[in-house]
N, C-alpha and C. Protein backbone atom coordinates (compact mmCIF):
# COMPACT_ATOMS: atom_id res chain seq x y z
N MET A 1 1.21 57.51 -55.24
CA MET A 1 0.02 57.05 -55.93
C MET A 1 -0.97 58.19 -56.13
N ILE A 2 -1.09 59.04 -55.11
CA ILE A 2 -2.00 60.19 -55.21
C ILE A 2 -1.56 61.11 -56.34
N GLU A 3 -0.23 61.29 -56.47
CA GLU A 3 0.28 62.18 -57.52
C GLU A 3 -0.11 61.66 -58.91
N LEU A 4 -0.03 60.37 -59.09
CA LEU A 4 -0.40 59.77 -60.36
C LEU A 4 -1.88 59.98 -60.66
N MET A 5 -2.71 59.83 -59.65
CA MET A 5 -4.14 60.04 -59.84
C MET A 5 -4.44 61.49 -60.19
N ILE A 6 -3.70 62.42 -59.58
CA ILE A 6 -3.89 63.84 -59.88
C ILE A 6 -3.49 64.12 -61.33
N VAL A 7 -2.36 63.57 -61.75
CA VAL A 7 -1.90 63.77 -63.13
C VAL A 7 -2.90 63.20 -64.12
N VAL A 8 -3.42 62.02 -63.85
CA VAL A 8 -4.41 61.41 -64.74
C VAL A 8 -5.67 62.25 -64.79
N ALA A 9 -6.09 62.80 -63.66
CA ALA A 9 -7.27 63.66 -63.63
C ALA A 9 -7.04 64.94 -64.43
N ILE A 10 -5.86 65.52 -64.31
CA ILE A 10 -5.54 66.74 -65.07
C ILE A 10 -5.54 66.45 -66.56
N ILE A 11 -4.94 65.34 -66.96
CA ILE A 11 -4.93 64.97 -68.38
C ILE A 11 -6.35 64.74 -68.88
N GLY A 12 -7.18 64.13 -68.08
CA GLY A 12 -8.58 63.92 -68.46
C GLY A 12 -9.32 65.23 -68.65
N ILE A 13 -9.08 66.18 -67.76
CA ILE A 13 -9.73 67.49 -67.87
C ILE A 13 -9.26 68.20 -69.14
N LEU A 14 -7.96 68.18 -69.39
CA LEU A 14 -7.44 68.83 -70.59
C LEU A 14 -7.98 68.17 -71.86
N ALA A 15 -8.10 66.86 -71.85
CA ALA A 15 -8.65 66.16 -73.02
C ALA A 15 -10.12 66.52 -73.21
N ALA A 16 -10.85 66.65 -72.12
CA ALA A 16 -12.27 67.01 -72.22
C ALA A 16 -12.44 68.40 -72.80
N ILE A 17 -11.47 69.26 -72.58
CA ILE A 17 -11.53 70.62 -73.14
C ILE A 17 -11.08 70.61 -74.61
N ALA A 18 -10.03 69.86 -74.92
CA ALA A 18 -9.41 69.91 -76.24
C ALA A 18 -10.20 69.17 -77.31
N ILE A 19 -10.81 68.06 -76.99
CA ILE A 19 -11.49 67.24 -78.00
C ILE A 19 -12.64 67.98 -78.68
N PRO A 20 -13.52 68.67 -77.97
CA PRO A 20 -14.59 69.41 -78.67
C PRO A 20 -14.04 70.52 -79.58
N GLN A 21 -12.97 71.18 -79.15
CA GLN A 21 -12.40 72.22 -79.99
C GLN A 21 -11.79 71.63 -81.24
N PHE A 22 -11.13 70.48 -81.13
CA PHE A 22 -10.57 69.82 -82.30
C PHE A 22 -11.68 69.39 -83.26
N SER A 23 -12.76 68.90 -82.72
CA SER A 23 -13.90 68.50 -83.56
C SER A 23 -14.47 69.70 -84.30
N ASP A 24 -14.50 70.85 -83.64
CA ASP A 24 -15.01 72.07 -84.27
C ASP A 24 -14.10 72.48 -85.42
N TYR A 25 -12.78 72.40 -85.22
CA TYR A 25 -11.85 72.74 -86.30
C TYR A 25 -12.01 71.78 -87.47
N THR A 26 -12.21 70.52 -87.18
CA THR A 26 -12.41 69.53 -88.24
C THR A 26 -13.68 69.83 -89.03
N ARG A 27 -14.76 70.16 -88.34
CA ARG A 27 -16.02 70.47 -89.01
C ARG A 27 -15.87 71.71 -89.87
N LYS A 28 -15.20 72.73 -89.35
CA LYS A 28 -15.00 73.96 -90.14
C LYS A 28 -14.17 73.68 -91.38
N GLY A 29 -13.17 72.82 -91.26
CA GLY A 29 -12.36 72.45 -92.42
C GLY A 29 -13.17 71.72 -93.47
N GLU A 30 -14.04 70.82 -93.03
CA GLU A 30 -14.91 70.10 -93.97
C GLU A 30 -15.89 71.06 -94.64
N ASP A 31 -16.40 72.04 -93.90
CA ASP A 31 -17.30 73.03 -94.49
C ASP A 31 -16.59 73.85 -95.56
N LYS A 32 -15.35 74.26 -95.27
CA LYS A 32 -14.58 75.04 -96.25
C LYS A 32 -14.30 74.21 -97.50
N ALA A 33 -14.01 72.93 -97.33
CA ALA A 33 -13.76 72.06 -98.48
C ALA A 33 -15.01 71.91 -99.33
N ALA A 34 -16.16 71.77 -98.69
CA ALA A 34 -17.42 71.65 -99.43
C ALA A 34 -17.74 72.94 -100.18
N GLN A 35 -17.48 74.09 -99.56
CA GLN A 35 -17.70 75.37 -100.23
C GLN A 35 -16.79 75.50 -101.44
N SER A 36 -15.55 75.09 -101.29
CA SER A 36 -14.60 75.15 -102.40
C SER A 36 -15.04 74.24 -103.54
N ASP A 37 -15.50 73.03 -103.21
CA ASP A 37 -15.99 72.12 -104.24
C ASP A 37 -17.19 72.71 -104.97
N ALA A 38 -18.11 73.31 -104.24
CA ALA A 38 -19.30 73.91 -104.86
C ALA A 38 -18.90 75.07 -105.77
N ARG A 39 -17.93 75.86 -105.33
CA ARG A 39 -17.46 76.97 -106.14
C ARG A 39 -16.81 76.46 -107.43
N ASN A 40 -16.05 75.37 -107.34
CA ASN A 40 -15.41 74.79 -108.52
C ASN A 40 -16.45 74.24 -109.49
N VAL A 41 -17.49 73.60 -108.99
CA VAL A 41 -18.55 73.08 -109.85
C VAL A 41 -19.25 74.23 -110.56
N LEU A 42 -19.53 75.31 -109.85
CA LEU A 42 -20.17 76.47 -110.46
C LEU A 42 -19.29 77.07 -111.55
N THR A 43 -18.00 77.18 -111.29
CA THR A 43 -17.08 77.72 -112.28
C THR A 43 -17.03 76.84 -113.53
N GLN A 44 -16.99 75.53 -113.33
CA GLN A 44 -16.95 74.61 -114.47
C GLN A 44 -18.26 74.64 -115.25
N ALA A 45 -19.38 74.75 -114.55
CA ALA A 45 -20.67 74.81 -115.23
C ALA A 45 -20.79 76.10 -116.03
N THR A 46 -20.31 77.20 -115.48
CA THR A 46 -20.34 78.47 -116.19
C THR A 46 -19.46 78.41 -117.44
N ALA A 47 -18.28 77.83 -117.30
CA ALA A 47 -17.38 77.70 -118.44
C ALA A 47 -17.97 76.79 -119.51
N ALA A 48 -18.62 75.72 -119.10
CA ALA A 48 -19.20 74.79 -120.07
C ALA A 48 -20.39 75.41 -120.80
N SER A 49 -21.16 76.22 -120.10
CA SER A 49 -22.34 76.81 -120.75
C SER A 49 -21.97 77.96 -121.67
N SER A 50 -20.81 78.58 -121.46
CA SER A 50 -20.43 79.70 -122.31
C SER A 50 -19.67 79.24 -123.55
N SER A 51 -19.26 78.00 -123.59
CA SER A 51 -18.49 77.54 -124.77
C SER A 51 -19.36 76.79 -125.75
């Protein structure tokens, strides 16, 4: 029973470390997508104004 409690504690510690890093990767991905969308809008606006 003690072994199971130790394993559960280790999994909890690893999850506590991994979840914030995963959230950071998700946020960075969303930021990159927003930057790409803004760049595409600028390109389309430039093309529309020059034609």
